[in-house]
Amino acid sequence: MIIFKEYVDDLRIKFQRIAKVINEKEIQYGYQFVCGRDNEEVTVSVYYNKKHQFRIVWPQNKNSLCLDLMAELGVKADGDTKIRTLTFDGFDKLDDFQNVWAGSDESGKGDFFGPLVVAAVVVNKDKARYLQQAGVKDCKELTDAKTLELEQVIFDNVLAYSVLELLPEVYNKRYAEEKNLNVLNAKGHFNAIKNVFMKVPEAEGALIDQFLKNDFLINNLQKTFPDKKFYQRPRAENNMAVAAASVLARARFLHSMQDLAKLAGVIELPKGSGVAQANVAKQIAEKFGKDILHKFVKTHFVTYKEI
């Protein structure tokens, strides 16, 4: 199904052909645009539901700008608010990526136990469509079992991939040096993307799931690969390259959590960070001594101080 954000982005492009988008914002169950041209303004609201259907609500009093916007979308002047279901072809439309591009994402950043994992993949349009049909999507929308099932599908059906992992013992040493999680994460994305570009040099660029508010990572990639295009955006998992990277990163995280659980002598290490995680860490500390925890947890988390 179509991703609502993609549809909103497409509307924005079409509205900007006719007028200036003066304001836009998220609203409950939807998104709203305020468009202006000369002395006219129009407010257009777009709503979605759980069935991935949407509807556009136009103002009752339609000025000439409103009619032009409707015409741009192929909507009749009576104000079509019909609920529609659209299909999604497996990747966002990025004008600068005509056929071959990379995507990267990470897993474990907010988890007390386990590693930080960053993955990057390279796809083309055919590969993206195949992965979408196979059920690949943002790993947050998948069960752990499905994530592990799709891991091999992605390995077998992308042009290149790179999965980089900082297990807790190494992660804690690196964090002590950098004192900044975003720096560690940025280095992971940079190296993962660099690895896949070495395997597929014809890749036109990369899309990164945004975790920085600045262009630090983008600028460093651009300096290293001046002939390629780079973008970072929130919820970039809408793009199939990033979605596939998110699945590989999560799968590697899950494998490592299983290995660490065996090493700790527990059935399972809880994901996330909070009371349950602190309690399990206390059990491990009581059994092996607190010093052993640096092999299992991220010691800069507040949760560590509660043990």
C-alpha atoms as a PDB file:
ATOM      1  CA  MET A   1       0.000   0.000   0.000  1.00  0.00           C
ATOM      2  CA  ILE A   2       1.074   3.567  -0.469  1.00  0.00           C
ATOM      3  CA  ILE A   3       2.879   5.243   2.416  1.00  0.00           C
ATOM      4  CA  PHE A   4       0.889   8.288   3.542  1.00  0.00           C
ATOM      5  CA  LYS A   5       4.003  10.436   3.797  1.00  0.00           C
ATOM      6  CA  GLU A   6       4.849   9.651   0.179  1.00  0.00           C
ATOM      7  CA  TYR A   7       1.400  10.784  -0.904  1.00  0.00           C
ATOM      8  CA  VAL A   8       1.749  14.017   1.098  1.00  0.00           C
ATOM      9  CA  ASP A   9       5.143  14.657  -0.491  1.00  0.00           C
ATOM     10  CA  ASP A  10       3.610  14.133  -3.936  1.00  0.00           C
ATOM     11  CA  LEU A  11       0.784  16.566  -3.131  1.00  0.00           C
ATOM     12  CA  ARG A  12       3.294  19.178  -2.031  1.00  0.00           C
ATOM     13  CA  ILE A  13       5.117  18.960  -5.352  1.00  0.00           C
ATOM     14  CA  LYS A  14       1.864  19.289  -7.304  1.00  0.00           C
ATOM     15  CA  PHE A  15       0.578  22.194  -5.185  1.00  0.00           C
ATOM     16  CA  GLN A  16       3.868  24.064  -5.657  1.00  0.00           C
ATOM     17  CA  ARG A  17       3.325  23.990  -9.418  1.00  0.00           C
ATOM     18  CA  ILE A  18       0.252  26.166  -8.917  1.00  0.00           C
ATOM     19  CA  ALA A  19       0.899  28.197  -5.765  1.00  0.00           C
ATOM     20  CA  LYS A  20       3.183  28.742  -2.804  1.00  0.00           C
ATOM     21  CA  VAL A  21       2.790  26.443   0.182  1.00  0.00           C
ATOM     22  CA  ILE A  22       2.539  29.051   2.942  1.00  0.00           C
ATOM     23  CA  ASN A  23       2.150  26.614   5.801  1.00  0.00           C
ATOM     24  CA  GLU A  24       1.863  22.880   6.370  1.00  0.00           C
ATOM     25  CA  LYS A  25       1.470  20.746   9.457  1.00  0.00           C
ATOM     26  CA  GLU A  26       0.449  17.366  10.769  1.00  0.00           C
ATOM     27  CA  ILE A  27      -3.126  17.180  12.051  1.00  0.00           C
ATOM     28  CA  GLN A  28      -4.994  14.382  13.774  1.00  0.00           C
ATOM     29  CA  TYR A  29      -5.207  11.474  11.333  1.00  0.00           C
ATOM     30  CA  GLY A  30      -3.783  13.543   8.521  1.00  0.00           C
ATOM     31  CA  TYR A  31      -1.904  16.498   7.126  1.00  0.00           C
ATOM     32  CA  GLN A  32      -2.870  20.044   6.187  1.00  0.00           C
ATOM     33  CA  PHE A  33      -1.586  22.484   3.567  1.00  0.00           C
ATOM     34  CA  VAL A  34      -2.215  26.218   3.323  1.00  0.00           C
ATOM     35  CA  CYS A  35      -1.509  27.420  -0.219  1.00  0.00           C
ATOM     36  CA  GLY A  36      -1.390  31.007  -1.420  1.00  0.00           C
ATOM     37  CA  ARG A  37      -1.310  32.822  -4.732  1.00  0.00           C
ATOM     38  CA  ASP A  38      -1.714  36.572  -5.193  1.00  0.00           C
ATOM     39  CA  ASN A  39      -4.466  37.530  -2.720  1.00  0.00           C
ATOM     40  CA  GLU A  40      -6.005  34.071  -2.473  1.00  0.00           C
ATOM     41  CA  GLU A  41      -5.466  31.350   0.107  1.00  0.00           C
ATOM     42  CA  VAL A  42      -6.701  27.762   0.262  1.00  0.00           C
ATOM     43  CA  THR A  43      -6.564  25.240   3.110  1.00  0.00           C
ATOM     44  CA  VAL A  44      -6.519  21.605   2.039  1.00  0.00           C
ATOM     45  CA  SER A  45      -6.667  18.717   4.530  1.00  0.00           C
ATOM     46  CA  VAL A  46      -5.707  15.122   3.758  1.00  0.00           C
ATOM     47  CA  TYR A  47      -6.810  12.280   6.037  1.00  0.00           C
ATOM     48  CA  TYR A  48      -5.870   8.587   6.267  1.00  0.00           C
ATOM     49  CA  ASN A  49      -7.192   5.517   8.030  1.00  0.00           C
ATOM     50  CA  LYS A  50      -5.817   2.181   9.182  1.00  0.00           C
ATOM     51  CA  LYS A  51      -6.727   0.586   5.856  1.00  0.00           C
ATOM     52  CA  HIS A  52      -4.176   2.823   4.112  1.00  0.00           C
ATOM     53  CA  GLN A  53      -6.999   4.788   2.514  1.00  0.00           C
ATOM     54  CA  PHE A  54      -7.075   8.546   2.239  1.00  0.00           C
ATOM     55  CA  ARG A  55      -9.414  11.377   1.420  1.00  0.00           C
ATOM     56  CA  ILE A  56      -8.889  15.045   0.557  1.00  0.00           C
ATOM     57  CA  VAL A  57     -11.179  17.680   2.035  1.00  0.00           C
ATOM     58  CA  TRP A  58     -11.501  20.927   0.076  1.00  0.00           C
ATOM     59  CA  PRO A  59     -13.052  24.173   1.353  1.00  0.00           C
ATOM     60  CA  GLN A  60     -16.772  24.618   0.640  1.00  0.00           C
ATOM     61  CA  ASN A  61     -16.254  28.052  -0.892  1.00  0.00           C
ATOM     62  CA  LYS A  62     -13.879  27.494  -3.760  1.00  0.00           C
ATOM     63  CA  ASN A  63     -11.958  30.427  -5.167  1.00  0.00           C
ATOM     64  CA  SER A  64     -10.012  30.311  -8.425  1.00  0.00           C
ATOM     65  CA  LEU A  65      -6.859  29.067  -6.686  1.00  0.00           C
ATOM     66  CA  CYS A  66      -8.780  26.185  -5.135  1.00  0.00           C
ATOM     67  CA  LEU A  67     -10.214  25.221  -8.520  1.00  0.00           C
ATOM     68  CA  ASP A  68      -6.749  25.305 -10.075  1.00  0.00           C
ATOM     69  CA  LEU A  69      -5.337  23.074  -7.335  1.00  0.00           C
ATOM     70  CA  MET A  70      -8.186  20.637  -7.815  1.00  0.00           C
ATOM     71  CA  ALA A  71      -7.637  20.617 -11.553  1.00  0.00           C
ATOM     72  CA  GLU A  72      -3.936  19.879 -10.999  1.00  0.00           C
ATOM     73  CA  LEU A  73      -4.986  16.749  -9.106  1.00  0.00           C
ATOM     74  CA  GLY A  74      -7.658  15.852 -11.644  1.00  0.00           C
ATOM     75  CA  VAL A  75     -10.457  16.499  -9.160  1.00  0.00           C
ATOM     76  CA  LYS A  76     -13.823  17.805 -10.309  1.00  0.00           C
ATOM     77  CA  ALA A  77     -15.092  21.131  -9.033  1.00  0.00           C
ATOM     78  CA  ASP A  78     -17.747  19.481  -6.858  1.00  0.00           C
ATOM     79  CA  GLY A  79     -14.995  18.559  -4.393  1.00  0.00           C
ATOM     80  CA  ASP A  80     -14.203  14.888  -4.701  1.00  0.00           C
ATOM     81  CA  THR A  81     -13.661  13.432  -1.217  1.00  0.00           C
ATOM     82  CA  LYS A  82     -13.932   9.816  -2.270  1.00  0.00           C
ATOM     83  CA  ILE A  83     -11.845   7.423  -0.193  1.00  0.00           C
ATOM     84  CA  ARG A  84      -9.162   5.815  -2.313  1.00  0.00           C
ATOM     85  CA  THR A  85      -6.635   3.031  -1.892  1.00  0.00           C
ATOM     86  CA  LEU A  86      -3.344   3.438  -3.722  1.00  0.00           C
ATOM     87  CA  THR A  87      -0.567   0.980  -4.479  1.00  0.00           C
ATOM     88  CA  PHE A  88       3.074   1.510  -3.512  1.00  0.00           C
ATOM     89  CA  ASP A  89       5.744   0.344  -5.925  1.00  0.00           C
ATOM     90  CA  GLY A  90       8.365  -0.397  -3.285  1.00  0.00           C
ATOM     91  CA  PHE A  91      10.421   2.767  -3.263  1.00  0.00           C
ATOM     92  CA  ASP A  92      10.089   6.509  -2.861  1.00  0.00           C
ATOM     93  CA  LYS A  93      10.432   8.583  -5.986  1.00  0.00           C
ATOM     94  CA  LEU A  94      13.816  10.300  -5.733  1.00  0.00           C
ATOM     95  CA  ASP A  95      14.473  12.209  -8.924  1.00  0.00           C
ATOM     96  CA  ASP A  96      18.251  12.021  -8.544  1.00  0.00           C
ATOM     97  CA  PHE A  97      18.220   8.225  -8.228  1.00  0.00           C
ATOM     98  CA  GLN A  98      17.186   6.873 -11.598  1.00  0.00           C
ATOM     99  CA  ASN A  99      17.993   3.211 -11.066  1.00  0.00           C
ATOM    100  CA  VAL A 100      20.704   2.211  -8.542  1.00  0.00           C
ATOM    101  CA  TRP A 101      20.916   3.627  -5.030  1.00  0.00           C
ATOM    102  CA  ALA A 102      21.844   2.772  -1.444  1.00  0.00           C
ATOM    103  CA  GLY A 103      20.029   3.080   1.852  1.00  0.00           C
ATOM    104  CA  SER A 104      21.215   2.776   5.452  1.00  0.00           C
ATOM    105  CA  ASP A 105      19.646   2.356   8.876  1.00  0.00           C
ATOM    106  CA  GLU A 106      20.622   1.263  12.385  1.00  0.00           C
ATOM    107  CA  SER A 107      19.322  -0.893  15.222  1.00  0.00           C
ATOM    108  CA  GLY A 108      20.040  -1.127  18.961  1.00  0.00           C
ATOM    109  CA  LYS A 109      20.611   2.566  19.571  1.00  0.00           C
ATOM    110  CA  GLY A 110      17.935   2.731  22.268  1.00  0.00           C
ATOM    111  CA  ASP A 111      18.484  -0.723  23.739  1.00  0.00           C
ATOM    112  CA  PHE A 112      20.334  -1.140  27.045  1.00  0.00           C
ATOM    113  CA  PHE A 113      21.416  -4.678  26.211  1.00  0.00           C
ATOM    114  CA  GLY A 114      23.099  -5.596  22.963  1.00  0.00           C
ATOM    115  CA  PRO A 115      25.067  -3.978  20.155  1.00  0.00           C
ATOM    116  CA  LEU A 116      24.685  -0.972  17.924  1.00  0.00           C
ATOM    117  CA  VAL A 117      24.278  -2.230  14.365  1.00  0.00           C
ATOM    118  CA  VAL A 118      24.340  -0.201  11.145  1.00  0.00           C
ATOM    119  CA  ALA A 119      23.501  -1.694   7.767  1.00  0.00           C
ATOM    120  CA  ALA A 120      23.517  -0.427   4.196  1.00  0.00           C
ATOM    121  CA  VAL A 121      22.208  -2.030   1.016  1.00  0.00           C
ATOM    122  CA  VAL A 122      22.204  -1.192  -2.679  1.00  0.00           C
ATOM    123  CA  VAL A 123      19.155  -1.885  -4.837  1.00  0.00           C
ATOM    124  CA  ASN A 124      17.815  -1.000  -8.235  1.00  0.00           C
ATOM    125  CA  LYS A 125      14.163  -0.537  -9.159  1.00  0.00           C
ATOM    126  CA  ASP A 126      13.633  -4.194 -10.031  1.00  0.00           C
ATOM    127  CA  LYS A 127      15.220  -5.349  -6.777  1.00  0.00           C
ATOM    128  CA  ALA A 128      13.164  -2.822  -4.814  1.00  0.00           C
ATOM    129  CA  ARG A 129       9.932  -4.090  -6.332  1.00  0.00           C
ATOM    130  CA  TYR A 130      10.869  -7.698  -5.638  1.00  0.00           C
ATOM    131  CA  LEU A 131      11.710  -6.960  -1.992  1.00  0.00           C
ATOM    132  CA  GLN A 132       8.420  -5.111  -1.552  1.00  0.00           C
ATOM    133  CA  GLN A 133       6.517  -8.081  -2.959  1.00  0.00           C
ATOM    134  CA  ALA A 134       8.463 -10.385  -0.635  1.00  0.00           C
ATOM    135  CA  GLY A 135       7.182  -8.420   2.355  1.00  0.00           C
ATOM    136  CA  VAL A 136      10.209  -6.288   3.194  1.00  0.00           C
ATOM    137  CA  LYS A 137       9.264  -3.138   5.090  1.00  0.00           C
ATOM    138  CA  ASP A 138      10.432  -1.041   8.014  1.00  0.00           C
ATOM    139  CA  CYS A 139      11.542  -3.574  10.637  1.00  0.00           C
ATOM    140  CA  LYS A 140       9.406  -1.781  13.250  1.00  0.00           C
ATOM    141  CA  GLU A 141       6.372  -3.078  11.353  1.00  0.00           C
ATOM    142  CA  LEU A 142       7.639  -6.687  11.421  1.00  0.00           C
ATOM    143  CA  THR A 143       7.766  -9.352  14.105  1.00  0.00           C
ATOM    144  CA  ASP A 144      11.207 -10.603  15.147  1.00  0.00           C
ATOM    145  CA  ALA A 145      10.453 -13.933  13.462  1.00  0.00           C
ATOM    146  CA  LYS A 146       9.558 -12.232  10.178  1.00  0.00           C
ATOM    147  CA  THR A 147      12.646 -10.021  10.388  1.00  0.00           C
ATOM    148  CA  LEU A 148      14.884 -13.072  10.697  1.00  0.00           C
ATOM    149  CA  GLU A 149      13.009 -14.799   7.882  1.00  0.00           C
ATOM    150  CA  LEU A 150      13.520 -11.840   5.533  1.00  0.00           C
ATOM    151  CA  GLU A 151      17.213 -11.479   6.323  1.00  0.00           C
ATOM    152  CA  GLN A 152      18.279 -14.184   3.860  1.00  0.00           C
ATOM    153  CA  VAL A 153      15.804 -12.917   1.247  1.00  0.00           C
ATOM    154  CA  ILE A 154      17.553  -9.555   1.363  1.00  0.00           C
ATOM    155  CA  PHE A 155      21.039 -11.097   1.304  1.00  0.00           C
ATOM    156  CA  ASP A 156      20.061 -12.992  -1.841  1.00  0.00           C
ATOM    157  CA  ASN A 157      18.300 -10.166  -3.655  1.00  0.00           C
ATOM    158  CA  VAL A 158      20.212  -6.914  -3.250  1.00  0.00           C
ATOM    159  CA  LEU A 159      23.134  -5.709  -5.322  1.00  0.00           C
ATOM    160  CA  ALA A 160      25.325  -5.291  -2.235  1.00  0.00           C
ATOM    161  CA  TYR A 161      25.057  -5.088   1.535  1.00  0.00           C
ATOM    162  CA  SER A 162      27.201  -4.230   4.552  1.00  0.00           C
ATOM    163  CA  VAL A 163      26.321  -4.938   8.187  1.00  0.00           C
ATOM    164  CA  LEU A 164      28.560  -3.361  10.825  1.00  0.00           C
ATOM    165  CA  GLU A 165      28.237  -4.157  14.514  1.00  0.00           C
ATOM    166  CA  LEU A 166      29.628  -2.692  17.728  1.00  0.00           C
ATOM    167  CA  LEU A 167      29.156  -5.304  20.432  1.00  0.00           C
ATOM    168  CA  PRO A 168      28.791  -3.798  23.931  1.00  0.00           C
ATOM    169  CA  GLU A 169      32.426  -4.325  24.965  1.00  0.00           C
ATOM    170  CA  VAL A 170      33.725  -2.447  21.910  1.00  0.00           C
ATOM    171  CA  TYR A 171      30.799  -0.005  21.911  1.00  0.00           C
ATOM    172  CA  ASN A 172      31.578   1.101  25.474  1.00  0.00           C
ATOM    173  CA  LYS A 173      35.243   1.735  24.632  1.00  0.00           C
ATOM    174  CA  ARG A 174      34.277   3.771  21.555  1.00  0.00           C
ATOM    175  CA  TYR A 175      31.666   5.737  23.484  1.00  0.00           C
ATOM    176  CA  ALA A 176      34.231   6.552  26.200  1.00  0.00           C
ATOM    177  CA  GLU A 177      36.393   8.079  23.464  1.00  0.00           C
ATOM    178  CA  GLU A 178      33.693   9.969  21.580  1.00  0.00           C
ATOM    179  CA  LYS A 179      31.219  10.807  24.393  1.00  0.00           C
ATOM    180  CA  ASN A 180      28.559  11.076  21.712  1.00  0.00           C
ATOM    181  CA  LEU A 181      26.205   8.378  20.445  1.00  0.00           C
ATOM    182  CA  ASN A 182      25.408  10.292  17.245  1.00  0.00           C
ATOM    183  CA  VAL A 183      29.096  10.339  16.329  1.00  0.00           C
ATOM    184  CA  LEU A 184      29.317   6.558  16.729  1.00  0.00           C
ATOM    185  CA  ASN A 185      26.179   6.133  14.695  1.00  0.00           C
ATOM    186  CA  ALA A 186      27.387   8.511  11.973  1.00  0.00           C
ATOM    187  CA  LYS A 187      30.664   6.625  11.641  1.00  0.00           C
ATOM    188  CA  GLY A 188      28.717   3.404  11.262  1.00  0.00           C
ATOM    189  CA  HIS A 189      26.532   4.822   8.489  1.00  0.00           C
ATOM    190  CA  PHE A 190      29.544   6.340   6.741  1.00  0.00           C
ATOM    191  CA  ASN A 191      31.506   3.077   6.745  1.00  0.00           C
ATOM    192  CA  ALA A 192      28.545   0.897   5.764  1.00  0.00           C
ATOM    193  CA  ILE A 193      27.730   3.148   2.802  1.00  0.00           C
ATOM    194  CA  LYS A 194      31.400   3.298   1.832  1.00  0.00           C
ATOM    195  CA  ASN A 195      31.550  -0.509   1.844  1.00  0.00           C
ATOM    196  CA  VAL A 196      28.590  -0.950  -0.499  1.00  0.00           C
ATOM    197  CA  PHE A 197      29.831   1.782  -2.846  1.00  0.00           C
ATOM    198  CA  MET A 198      33.085  -0.156  -3.186  1.00  0.00           C
ATOM    199  CA  LYS A 199      31.037  -3.181  -4.282  1.00  0.00           C
ATOM    200  CA  VAL A 200      28.672  -1.220  -6.553  1.00  0.00           C
ATOM    201  CA  PRO A 201      30.524   1.925  -7.696  1.00  0.00           C
ATOM    202  CA  GLU A 202      27.746   2.790 -10.156  1.00  0.00           C
ATOM    203  CA  ALA A 203      25.343   3.507  -7.269  1.00  0.00           C
ATOM    204  CA  GLU A 204      24.040   7.036  -7.755  1.00  0.00           C
ATOM    205  CA  GLY A 205      23.888   7.931  -4.070  1.00  0.00           C
ATOM    206  CA  ALA A 206      22.349   7.045  -0.741  1.00  0.00           C
ATOM    207  CA  LEU A 207      19.340   7.777   1.440  1.00  0.00           C
ATOM    208  CA  ILE A 208      19.864   7.690   5.210  1.00  0.00           C
ATOM    209  CA  ASP A 209      17.289   7.404   7.954  1.00  0.00           C
ATOM    210  CA  GLN A 210      17.748  10.759   9.680  1.00  0.00           C
ATOM    211  CA  PHE A 211      19.120  10.769  13.219  1.00  0.00           C
ATOM    212  CA  LEU A 212      21.080  14.048  13.079  1.00  0.00           C
ATOM    213  CA  LYS A 213      19.611  17.545  12.964  1.00  0.00           C
ATOM    214  CA  ASN A 214      22.641  18.810  11.053  1.00  0.00           C
ATOM    215  CA  ASP A 215      24.418  17.829   7.815  1.00  0.00           C
ATOM    216  CA  PHE A 216      27.574  16.436   9.477  1.00  0.00           C
ATOM    217  CA  LEU A 217      27.200  12.965   7.959  1.00  0.00           C
ATOM    218  CA  ILE A 218      25.945  14.182   4.580  1.00  0.00           C
ATOM    219  CA  ASN A 219      28.835  16.639   4.247  1.00  0.00           C
ATOM    220  CA  ASN A 220      31.432  13.974   5.039  1.00  0.00           C
ATOM    221  CA  LEU A 221      29.913  11.567   2.541  1.00  0.00           C
ATOM    222  CA  GLN A 222      29.762  14.291  -0.101  1.00  0.00           C
ATOM    223  CA  LYS A 223      33.454  15.121   0.396  1.00  0.00           C
ATOM    224  CA  THR A 224      34.403  11.473   0.010  1.00  0.00           C
ATOM    225  CA  PHE A 225      32.047  10.781  -2.909  1.00  0.00           C
ATOM    226  CA  PRO A 226      31.623  14.126  -4.718  1.00  0.00           C
ATOM    227  CA  ASP A 227      29.967  12.485  -7.742  1.00  0.00           C
ATOM    228  CA  LYS A 228      27.072  11.021  -5.728  1.00  0.00           C
ATOM    229  CA  LYS A 229      23.887  12.398  -4.173  1.00  0.00           C
ATOM    230  CA  PHE A 230      23.041  12.038  -0.476  1.00  0.00           C
ATOM    231  CA  TYR A 231      19.836  12.617   1.435  1.00  0.00           C
ATOM    232  CA  GLN A 232      18.718  12.119   5.016  1.00  0.00           C
ATOM    233  CA  ARG A 233      15.098  12.219   6.039  1.00  0.00           C
ATOM    234  CA  PRO A 234      12.900  11.118   8.943  1.00  0.00           C
ATOM    235  CA  ARG A 235      11.052   7.842   8.444  1.00  0.00           C
ATOM    236  CA  ALA A 236      13.237   7.073   5.440  1.00  0.00           C
ATOM    237  CA  GLU A 237      12.194   3.419   5.756  1.00  0.00           C
ATOM    238  CA  ASN A 238       9.472   4.366   3.248  1.00  0.00           C
ATOM    239  CA  ASN A 239      12.246   3.792   0.736  1.00  0.00           C
ATOM    240  CA  MET A 240      12.891   0.125   0.015  1.00  0.00           C
ATOM    241  CA  ALA A 241      16.681   0.454   0.233  1.00  0.00           C
ATOM    242  CA  VAL A 242      16.408   1.869   3.753  1.00  0.00           C
ATOM    243  CA  ALA A 243      13.691  -0.620   4.700  1.00  0.00           C
ATOM    244  CA  ALA A 244      15.940  -3.504   3.656  1.00  0.00           C
ATOM    245  CA  ALA A 245      18.837  -1.995   5.612  1.00  0.00           C
ATOM    246  CA  SER A 246      16.608  -1.677   8.676  1.00  0.00           C
ATOM    247  CA  VAL A 247      15.739  -5.382   8.457  1.00  0.00           C
ATOM    248  CA  LEU A 248      19.397  -6.441   8.141  1.00  0.00           C
ATOM    249  CA  ALA A 249      20.427  -4.226  11.056  1.00  0.00           C
ATOM    250  CA  ARG A 250      17.610  -5.553  13.237  1.00  0.00           C
ATOM    251  CA  ALA A 251      18.299  -9.171  12.293  1.00  0.00           C
ATOM    252  CA  ARG A 252      21.950  -8.824  13.270  1.00  0.00           C
ATOM    253  CA  PHE A 253      20.889  -7.189  16.540  1.00  0.00           C
ATOM    254  CA  LEU A 254      18.537 -10.113  17.271  1.00  0.00           C
ATOM    255  CA  HIS A 255      21.254 -12.698  16.522  1.00  0.00           C
ATOM    256  CA  SER A 256      23.648 -10.959  18.893  1.00  0.00           C
ATOM    257  CA  MET A 257      21.019 -10.679  21.619  1.00  0.00           C
ATOM    258  CA  GLN A 258      20.561 -14.461  21.409  1.00  0.00           C
ATOM    259  CA  ASP A 259      24.325 -15.031  21.641  1.00  0.00           C
ATOM    260  CA  LEU A 260      24.683 -12.642  24.585  1.00  0.00           C
ATOM    261  CA  ALA A 261      21.775 -14.271  26.398  1.00  0.00           C
ATOM    262  CA  LYS A 262      23.522 -17.644  26.170  1.00  0.00           C
ATOM    263  CA  LEU A 263      26.739 -16.085  27.438  1.00  0.00           C
ATOM    264  CA  ALA A 264      24.870 -14.528  30.367  1.00  0.00           C
ATOM    265  CA  GLY A 265      23.099 -17.781  31.171  1.00  0.00           C
ATOM    266  CA  VAL A 266      19.595 -16.354  30.754  1.00  0.00           C
ATOM    267  CA  ILE A 267      16.768 -17.374  28.465  1.00  0.00           C
ATOM    268  CA  GLU A 268      16.354 -13.912  26.955  1.00  0.00           C
ATOM    269  CA  LEU A 269      17.725 -10.403  27.289  1.00  0.00           C
ATOM    270  CA  PRO A 270      14.915  -7.843  27.302  1.00  0.00           C
ATOM    271  CA  LYS A 271      14.930  -5.210  24.576  1.00  0.00           C
ATOM    272  CA  GLY A 272      14.569  -1.515  25.328  1.00  0.00           C
ATOM    273  CA  SER A 273      15.725   0.288  28.439  1.00  0.00           C
ATOM    274  CA  GLY A 274      13.964   0.466  31.793  1.00  0.00           C
ATOM    275  CA  VAL A 275      13.121  -1.418  34.982  1.00  0.00           C
ATOM    276  CA  ALA A 276      12.903  -4.865  33.379  1.00  0.00           C
ATOM    277  CA  GLN A 277      16.313  -4.412  31.763  1.00  0.00           C
ATOM    278  CA  ALA A 278      17.850  -3.180  35.032  1.00  0.00           C
ATOM    279  CA  ASN A 279      16.489  -6.201  36.909  1.00  0.00           C
ATOM    280  CA  VAL A 280      18.025  -8.667  34.449  1.00  0.00           C
ATOM    281  CA  ALA A 281      21.326  -6.785  34.561  1.00  0.00           C
ATOM    282  CA  LYS A 282      21.277  -7.028  38.361  1.00  0.00           C
ATOM    283  CA  GLN A 283      20.832 -10.798  38.112  1.00  0.00           C
ATOM    284  CA  ILE A 284      23.831 -11.054  35.792  1.00  0.00           C
ATOM    285  CA  ALA A 285      25.886  -8.813  38.092  1.00  0.00           C
ATOM    286  CA  GLU A 286      24.995 -10.904  41.122  1.00  0.00           C
ATOM    287  CA  LYS A 287      26.088 -14.037  39.278  1.00  0.00           C
ATOM    288  CA  PHE A 288      29.301 -12.807  37.627  1.00  0.00           C
ATOM    289  CA  GLY A 289      30.084  -9.446  39.247  1.00  0.00           C
ATOM    290  CA  LYS A 290      29.141  -5.982  38.003  1.00  0.00           C
ATOM    291  CA  ASP A 291      32.358  -5.582  36.005  1.00  0.00           C
ATOM    292  CA  ILE A 292      31.104  -8.213  33.554  1.00  0.00           C
ATOM    293  CA  LEU A 293      28.200  -5.997  32.484  1.00  0.00           C
ATOM    294  CA  HIS A 294      30.319  -4.011  30.040  1.00  0.00           C
ATOM    295  CA  LYS A 295      30.170  -7.110  27.819  1.00  0.00           C
ATOM    296  CA  PHE A 296      26.357  -7.035  27.768  1.00  0.00           C
ATOM    297  CA  VAL A 297      25.060  -3.483  28.206  1.00  0.00           C
ATOM    298  CA  LYS A 298      25.698   0.087  27.106  1.00  0.00           C
ATOM    299  CA  THR A 299      27.186   1.512  30.283  1.00  0.00           C
ATOM    300  CA  HIS A 300      26.442   5.175  29.552  1.00  0.00           C
ATOM    301  CA  PHE A 301      22.679   4.529  29.827  1.00  0.00           C
ATOM    302  CA  VAL A 302      20.958   5.865  32.921  1.00  0.00           C
ATOM    303  CA  THR A 303      19.732   2.320  33.543  1.00  0.00           C
ATOM    304  CA  TYR A 304      23.309   1.255  34.340  1.00  0.00           C
ATOM    305  CA  LYS A 305      23.488   3.712  37.229  1.00  0.00           C
ATOM    306  CA  GLU A 306      20.452   2.064  38.805  1.00  0.00           C
ATOM    307  CA  ILE A 307      22.207  -1.293  39.168  1.00  0.00           C
END
